[in-house]
Amino acid sequence: MFGKIRPFIFKFDPETAHNLAIQALKFNLMPRNQKQNFKHIETEIFNKKIPNPIGLAAGFDKDAEVYNSIFRLGFGFVEVGTITPLKQSGNPKPRVFRLEEDEALINRLGFNNSGADLIQSRIRLNPPKGLFGINIGPNKDTKDRINDYLIGLRKFYELADYLTINISSPNTENLRSFHNESELNDLLQAIEQEKASLKTSIPTVLKISPDINDQEIEKISKLILKYNIPAIIVSNTSDRTRDVLKNINKLEKGGLSGKPIAKKSNLIINKFFKNLEKKVKIIGVGGVDSADSAYDKIINGASLIQLYTGMVYRGPGIAKKISEDLNNIFKKQGVTNISEIVGSKK
């Protein structure tokens, strides 16, 4: 069905098409997927069981408007945001570009969202019906980025199953400097102190760039273990990896997502997996559009998967399709649980 209407949808610019998808989900115009028991891919994270390891990444439901509709599409978990303390409009349009030959997107949105207060009220009125993450970040013009993260923590720690600390978007100037050892230490220390002050044990997850080297991976891994971070998301979009692209939009500035970053993401996942010695769960992101690409993430070290661009190209049934196919793969291999093959690549 989606394959037939995709050419029509792709006549719209990407941001307009995205807004239409949000409206369709708001009014329940997309088909619901019947719940099915894929017992071989049931898993858990943060001491909560979920029906499958396929999650929707932050960036789709930026303003937390349609997360319960997304659960009904068959996703095992949903992450909204990125949400900043104050409302901001993001970067000038156009700022999202399709690269159809590459099955990729480039975006330079810049954390456009309605701000923490409005989104907090919206979530309170519509409790999530599944494992729910909230992705937080600083405002572009803030004078104190660490404090912006702490505001996000205070606003949302009671409303989410986990909070993602986004230090990896290439579209907010100097945000990736938090990958530096001293800056990341200061941030994680401040978050730990704030959690203690709030008397909350909400899991805080770190979302990491794919554009880092082995030395940075080693230093970041040590801090993740030092502060008992329970999970990391690997990875965000890439502001590099342009040499393999075909579409003319490859010249646009912004973060690249989709198929072209799959291998790069897998490599970073595997390196973190080896550094973290199974003490931290990895949520793998980057180029997932099928059970095979999800499987590649898992054997490289991911316990769970997120996607976004894959849904743009494969349609709203992608989570159900991947879950069904992944379950069949596991059955054929005699794998009774996903944990048996995490990081098993030789």
Protein backbone atom coordinates (compact mmCIF):
# COMPACT_ATOMS: atom_id res chain seq x y z
CA MET A 1 0.00 0.00 0.00
CA PHE A 2 2.68 2.51 1.03
CA GLY A 3 4.72 1.65 -2.06
CA LYS A 4 1.82 2.76 -4.23
CA ILE A 5 1.28 6.11 -2.52
CA ARG A 6 4.94 6.96 -1.84
CA PRO A 7 5.44 8.73 -5.21
CA PHE A 8 2.52 11.02 -4.32
CA ILE A 9 3.89 11.71 -0.83
CA PHE A 10 7.34 12.41 -2.25
CA LYS A 11 5.92 15.18 -4.43
CA PHE A 12 5.76 17.24 -1.25
CA ASP A 13 8.91 18.66 0.27
CA PRO A 14 10.11 16.47 3.18
CA GLU A 15 9.02 18.78 5.98
CA THR A 16 5.51 19.20 4.54
CA ALA A 17 5.23 15.42 4.10
CA HIS A 18 6.32 14.97 7.71
CA ASN A 19 3.70 17.42 8.96
CA LEU A 20 1.03 15.56 6.96
CA ALA A 21 2.12 12.30 8.60
CA ILE A 22 1.81 13.87 12.06
CA GLN A 23 -1.71 15.07 11.20
CA ALA A 24 -2.67 11.62 9.90
CA LEU A 25 -1.50 10.06 13.15
CA LYS A 26 -3.34 12.68 15.20
CA PHE A 27 -6.61 11.80 13.51
CA ASN A 28 -5.91 8.04 13.47
CA LEU A 29 -5.87 7.92 9.68
CA MET A 30 -3.06 5.37 9.57
CA PRO A 31 -3.85 1.65 9.85
CA ARG A 32 -3.35 0.11 13.27
CA ASN A 33 -1.32 -3.05 13.53
CA GLN A 34 -2.93 -5.87 15.46
CA LYS A 35 -0.88 -6.99 18.42
CA GLN A 36 1.06 -10.13 17.64
CA ASN A 37 3.15 -12.33 19.89
CA PHE A 38 6.72 -12.35 18.63
CA LYS A 39 8.06 -14.26 21.62
CA HIS A 40 11.60 -14.63 20.25
CA ILE A 41 12.15 -10.86 20.21
CA GLU A 42 10.51 -9.85 23.46
CA THR A 43 13.05 -8.02 25.56
CA GLU A 44 13.46 -5.64 28.46
CA ILE A 45 15.26 -2.45 29.34
CA PHE A 46 15.20 -0.30 32.47
CA ASN A 47 13.48 -3.24 34.23
CA LYS A 48 10.50 -3.05 31.89
CA LYS A 49 9.43 -5.66 29.39
CA ILE A 50 8.64 -4.59 25.85
CA PRO A 51 7.12 -6.66 23.01
CA ASN A 52 9.94 -6.01 20.53
CA PRO A 53 13.25 -4.13 20.37
CA ILE A 54 12.24 -1.75 17.55
CA GLY A 55 11.87 1.88 18.65
CA LEU A 56 11.10 5.14 16.89
CA ALA A 57 14.00 7.57 17.27
CA ALA A 58 13.68 11.16 18.43
CA GLY A 59 13.17 13.62 15.60
CA PHE A 60 9.87 12.31 14.27
CA ASP A 61 7.55 13.28 17.14
CA LYS A 62 9.46 16.38 18.19
CA ASP A 63 6.57 17.97 20.08
CA ALA A 64 5.19 14.78 21.68
CA GLU A 65 1.93 14.92 19.77
CA VAL A 66 1.41 11.39 18.44
CA TYR A 67 3.45 8.91 20.50
CA ASN A 68 0.45 6.75 21.44
CA SER A 69 -0.55 6.51 17.79
CA ILE A 70 3.03 5.44 17.02
CA PHE A 71 2.82 2.64 19.61
CA ARG A 72 -0.21 1.36 17.69
CA LEU A 73 1.95 1.03 14.57
CA GLY A 74 3.86 -1.75 16.32
CA PHE A 75 6.87 0.01 17.83
CA GLY A 76 8.23 -1.48 21.03
CA PHE A 77 9.21 1.92 22.38
CA VAL A 78 9.02 5.57 21.33
CA GLU A 79 11.31 8.53 21.98
CA VAL A 80 10.09 12.11 21.52
CA GLY A 81 11.99 15.38 21.17
CA THR A 82 14.54 16.86 21.12
CA ILE A 83 12.91 19.26 23.61
CA THR A 84 14.61 22.46 24.78
CA PRO A 85 13.66 24.60 27.79
CA LEU A 86 12.31 27.43 25.62
CA LYS A 87 10.40 27.25 22.36
CA GLN A 88 12.56 27.72 19.29
CA SER A 89 11.83 27.70 15.58
CA GLY A 90 15.05 26.04 14.46
CA ASN A 91 17.09 26.88 11.38
CA PRO A 92 15.74 28.62 8.26
CA LYS A 93 13.88 26.55 5.65
CA PRO A 94 14.50 24.57 3.54
CA ARG A 95 16.23 22.38 6.10
CA VAL A 96 15.30 18.78 5.26
CA PHE A 97 16.41 17.10 2.03
CA ARG A 98 15.64 13.69 0.52
CA LEU A 99 18.37 11.74 -1.22
CA GLU A 100 16.17 9.16 -2.91
CA GLU A 101 18.89 7.30 -4.80
CA ASP A 102 20.72 6.88 -1.50
CA GLU A 103 17.63 6.18 0.64
CA ALA A 104 18.82 8.91 2.97
CA LEU A 105 17.92 12.28 4.44
CA ILE A 106 19.97 15.33 5.31
CA ASN A 107 18.49 17.65 7.92
CA ARG A 108 19.58 20.83 9.64
CA LEU A 109 16.40 21.41 11.63
CA GLY A 110 18.10 22.74 14.74
CA PHE A 111 15.92 21.47 17.61
CA ASN A 112 12.71 23.13 16.47
CA ASN A 113 10.10 22.45 19.18
CA SER A 114 7.39 24.07 21.30
CA GLY A 115 9.41 24.26 24.50
CA ALA A 116 9.41 22.26 27.73
CA ASP A 117 6.39 23.83 29.46
CA LEU A 118 3.87 23.23 26.69
CA ILE A 119 5.15 19.73 25.94
CA GLN A 120 5.16 18.82 29.63
CA SER A 121 1.47 19.80 29.84
CA ARG A 122 0.67 17.80 26.70
CA ILE A 123 2.26 14.62 28.06
CA ARG A 124 0.51 14.98 31.42
CA LEU A 125 -2.84 15.05 29.60
CA ASN A 126 -2.00 12.01 27.46
CA PRO A 127 -0.11 9.35 29.44
CA PRO A 128 2.11 7.14 27.24
CA LYS A 129 0.89 3.59 26.62
CA GLY A 130 4.30 2.00 26.20
CA LEU A 131 7.99 2.43 27.01
CA PHE A 132 8.50 6.15 26.57
CA GLY A 133 11.69 8.20 26.24
CA ILE A 134 12.12 11.95 26.18
CA ASN A 135 15.12 13.47 24.41
CA ILE A 136 16.36 16.77 25.88
CA GLY A 137 18.85 19.39 24.70
CA PRO A 138 19.90 23.03 25.14
CA ASN A 139 18.50 26.08 23.39
CA LYS A 140 20.63 27.47 20.60
CA ASP A 141 21.19 30.86 22.30
CA THR A 142 21.47 29.67 25.89
CA LYS A 143 24.25 31.03 28.07
CA ASP A 144 24.39 27.88 30.19
CA ARG A 145 23.98 24.63 28.24
CA ILE A 146 24.42 22.36 31.25
CA ASN A 147 21.64 24.19 33.08
CA ASP A 148 19.37 23.68 30.07
CA TYR A 149 19.82 19.92 30.41
CA LEU A 150 19.02 20.19 34.12
CA ILE A 151 15.83 22.11 33.30
CA GLY A 152 14.84 19.29 30.95
CA LEU A 153 15.55 16.76 33.68
CA ARG A 154 13.39 18.63 36.20
CA LYS A 155 10.54 19.08 33.72
CA PHE A 156 10.32 15.48 32.53
CA TYR A 157 11.77 13.05 35.09
CA GLU A 158 8.28 12.12 36.33
CA LEU A 159 6.81 11.66 32.85
CA ALA A 160 9.26 9.35 31.06
CA ASP A 161 10.71 5.87 31.42
CA TYR A 162 14.07 7.31 30.43
CA LEU A 163 15.62 10.63 29.43
CA THR A 164 18.07 10.94 26.55
CA ILE A 165 20.85 13.51 26.91
CA ASN A 166 21.42 14.64 23.32
CA ILE A 167 25.01 15.81 22.91
CA SER A 168 25.35 14.74 19.30
CA SER A 169 23.23 16.77 16.90
CA PRO A 170 25.44 18.42 14.26
CA ASN A 171 22.88 21.22 13.84
CA THR A 172 23.39 23.07 17.13
CA GLU A 173 26.70 24.90 17.13
CA ASN A 174 29.37 23.37 19.37
CA LEU A 175 26.94 20.86 20.90
CA ARG A 176 29.32 18.03 20.03
CA SER A 177 32.00 19.60 22.21
CA PHE A 178 30.33 17.61 25.01
CA HIS A 179 32.15 14.61 23.55
CA ASN A 180 35.31 16.13 25.02
CA GLU A 181 36.28 14.36 28.22
CA SER A 182 36.23 17.34 30.59
CA GLU A 183 32.97 18.83 29.25
CA LEU A 184 31.20 15.48 29.31
CA ASN A 185 32.41 14.83 32.85
CA ASP A 186 31.02 18.19 33.98
CA LEU A 187 27.66 17.47 32.32
CA LEU A 188 27.28 13.95 33.72
CA GLN A 189 28.36 15.09 37.17
CA ALA A 190 25.76 17.88 37.14
CA ILE A 191 23.04 15.47 36.03
CA GLU A 192 23.98 12.98 38.77
CA GLN A 193 23.81 15.71 41.40
CA GLU A 194 20.47 16.98 40.10
CA LYS A 195 19.00 13.46 40.14
CA ALA A 196 20.13 13.07 43.74
CA SER A 197 18.52 16.40 44.61
CA LEU A 198 15.26 15.33 42.94
CA LYS A 199 15.49 11.89 44.58
CA THR A 200 14.90 10.23 41.23
CA SER A 201 16.49 7.17 39.72
CA ILE A 202 15.19 7.78 36.20
CA PRO A 203 17.62 6.27 33.68
CA THR A 204 19.58 8.89 31.74
CA VAL A 205 20.80 7.77 28.33
CA LEU A 206 23.56 9.39 26.28
CA LYS A 207 23.08 9.90 22.52
CA ILE A 208 26.42 9.82 20.74
CA SER A 209 27.78 11.05 17.41
CA PRO A 210 29.03 8.63 14.74
CA ASP A 211 31.81 11.07 13.85
CA ILE A 212 34.20 10.24 16.69
CA ASN A 213 37.52 8.43 16.77
CA ASP A 214 38.77 5.46 18.79
CA GLN A 215 40.42 7.63 21.42
CA GLU A 216 37.17 9.53 22.02
CA ILE A 217 35.23 6.25 22.22
CA GLU A 218 37.60 5.01 24.92
CA LYS A 219 37.35 8.20 27.00
CA ILE A 220 33.57 8.43 26.65
CA SER A 221 33.24 4.75 27.63
CA LYS A 222 35.18 5.35 30.85
CA LEU A 223 32.85 8.22 31.80
CA ILE A 224 29.76 6.16 30.95
CA LEU A 225 30.97 3.48 33.36
CA LYS A 226 32.05 6.02 35.99
CA TYR A 227 28.57 7.57 36.14
CA ASN A 228 26.67 4.28 35.77
CA ILE A 229 24.90 5.32 32.59
CA PRO A 230 22.59 2.33 31.91
CA ALA A 231 22.30 2.73 28.13
CA ILE A 232 23.64 4.73 25.21
CA ILE A 233 22.21 5.52 21.78
CA VAL A 234 24.66 4.98 18.93
CA SER A 235 24.39 6.99 16.84
CA ASN A 236 23.01 10.34 15.75
CA THR A 237 23.27 11.71 12.21
CA SER A 238 26.63 12.29 10.52
CA ASP A 239 27.95 15.59 9.18
CA ARG A 240 30.46 13.60 7.12
CA THR A 241 30.15 10.37 5.05
CA ARG A 242 29.33 12.27 1.84
CA ASP A 243 31.72 10.58 -0.59
CA VAL A 244 29.45 7.56 -1.18
CA LEU A 245 26.34 9.61 -1.99
CA LYS A 246 24.78 9.98 -5.44
CA ASN A 247 22.00 12.56 -5.02
CA ILE A 248 22.85 16.24 -5.62
CA ASN A 249 21.49 17.07 -2.17
CA LYS A 250 24.66 15.52 -0.73
CA LEU A 251 26.10 19.05 -0.90
CA GLU A 252 23.59 20.33 1.67
CA LYS A 253 24.85 21.08 5.16
CA GLY A 254 23.35 19.05 7.99
CA GLY A 255 23.12 15.59 9.50
CA LEU A 256 22.98 12.58 7.20
CA SER A 257 20.71 9.67 8.15
CA GLY A 258 19.57 6.49 6.44
CA LYS A 259 21.31 3.68 4.58
CA PRO A 260 24.66 5.44 3.92
CA ILE A 261 25.52 5.58 7.64
CA ALA A 262 24.56 1.97 8.46
CA LYS A 263 28.10 0.55 8.31
CA LYS A 264 29.59 3.53 10.09
CA SER A 265 27.04 3.21 12.87
CA ASN A 266 27.63 -0.55 13.17
CA LEU A 267 31.37 0.00 13.52
CA ILE A 268 30.90 2.55 16.34
CA ILE A 269 28.38 0.26 18.06
CA ASN A 270 30.85 -2.62 18.00
CA LYS A 271 33.66 -0.49 19.41
CA PHE A 272 31.48 0.75 22.28
CA PHE A 273 30.27 -2.80 22.92
CA LYS A 274 33.84 -3.99 23.37
CA ASN A 275 34.78 -1.01 25.55
CA LEU A 276 31.74 -1.27 27.80
CA GLU A 277 32.07 -5.04 28.38
CA LYS A 278 28.29 -5.76 28.44
CA LYS A 279 27.78 -3.42 31.40
CA VAL A 280 25.75 -0.90 29.37
CA LYS A 281 22.97 -1.54 26.89
CA ILE A 282 23.36 -0.06 23.42
CA ILE A 283 20.43 1.22 21.37
CA GLY A 284 21.58 1.03 17.76
CA VAL A 285 20.49 3.62 15.21
CA GLY A 286 21.51 4.37 11.64
CA GLY A 287 20.30 2.86 8.38
CA VAL A 288 17.77 0.39 9.81
CA ASP A 289 15.04 -0.38 7.26
CA SER A 290 14.72 -4.19 7.43
CA ALA A 291 15.18 -7.19 9.69
CA ASP A 292 18.59 -7.81 8.11
CA SER A 293 19.84 -4.31 8.91
CA ALA A 294 18.43 -4.59 12.45
CA TYR A 295 20.15 -7.97 12.83
CA ASP A 296 23.47 -6.41 11.80
CA LYS A 297 23.09 -3.86 14.59
CA ILE A 298 22.32 -6.59 17.13
CA ILE A 299 25.29 -8.83 16.32
CA ASN A 300 27.53 -5.75 16.49
CA GLY A 301 26.36 -5.06 20.05
CA ALA A 302 22.94 -3.35 20.05
CA SER A 303 20.33 -4.73 22.45
CA LEU A 304 17.62 -2.52 20.98
CA ILE A 305 17.11 -0.66 17.72
CA GLN A 306 15.77 2.74 16.71
CA LEU A 307 14.86 4.05 13.29
CA TYR A 308 13.35 7.09 11.61
CA THR A 309 14.57 7.50 8.02
CA GLY A 310 13.67 3.87 7.35
CA MET A 311 10.02 4.73 8.01
CA VAL A 312 10.21 7.59 5.51
CA TYR A 313 11.20 5.14 2.77
CA ARG A 314 9.38 1.98 3.92
CA GLY A 315 6.21 3.41 5.43
CA PRO A 316 4.35 3.17 8.76
CA GLY A 317 4.25 -0.64 8.76
CA ILE A 318 8.01 -0.92 9.11
CA ALA A 319 8.13 -1.79 12.84
CA LYS A 320 5.66 -4.66 12.45
CA LYS A 321 7.47 -5.93 9.35
CA ILE A 322 10.91 -5.87 10.98
CA SER A 323 9.55 -7.50 14.15
CA GLU A 324 7.89 -10.31 12.20
CA ASP A 325 10.93 -10.97 10.00
CA LEU A 326 13.39 -10.73 12.90
CA ASN A 327 11.29 -13.18 14.90
CA ASN A 328 11.39 -15.61 11.98
CA ILE A 329 15.17 -15.26 11.67
CA PHE A 330 15.58 -16.05 15.36
CA LYS A 331 13.25 -19.06 15.12
CA LYS A 332 15.22 -20.51 12.21
CA GLN A 333 18.50 -20.00 14.06
CA GLY A 334 17.18 -21.49 17.29
CA VAL A 335 17.63 -18.19 19.12
CA THR A 336 15.16 -18.01 22.01
CA ASN A 337 16.02 -14.45 23.07
CA ILE A 338 17.74 -11.47 21.49
CA SER A 339 20.26 -11.33 24.35
CA GLU A 340 21.82 -14.57 23.09
CA ILE A 341 23.26 -12.93 19.97
CA VAL A 342 23.98 -9.35 21.06
CA GLY A 343 27.58 -8.63 20.09
CA SER A 344 28.08 -12.11 18.59
CA LYS A 345 29.75 -10.91 15.39
CA LYS A 346 33.11 -12.58 14.95
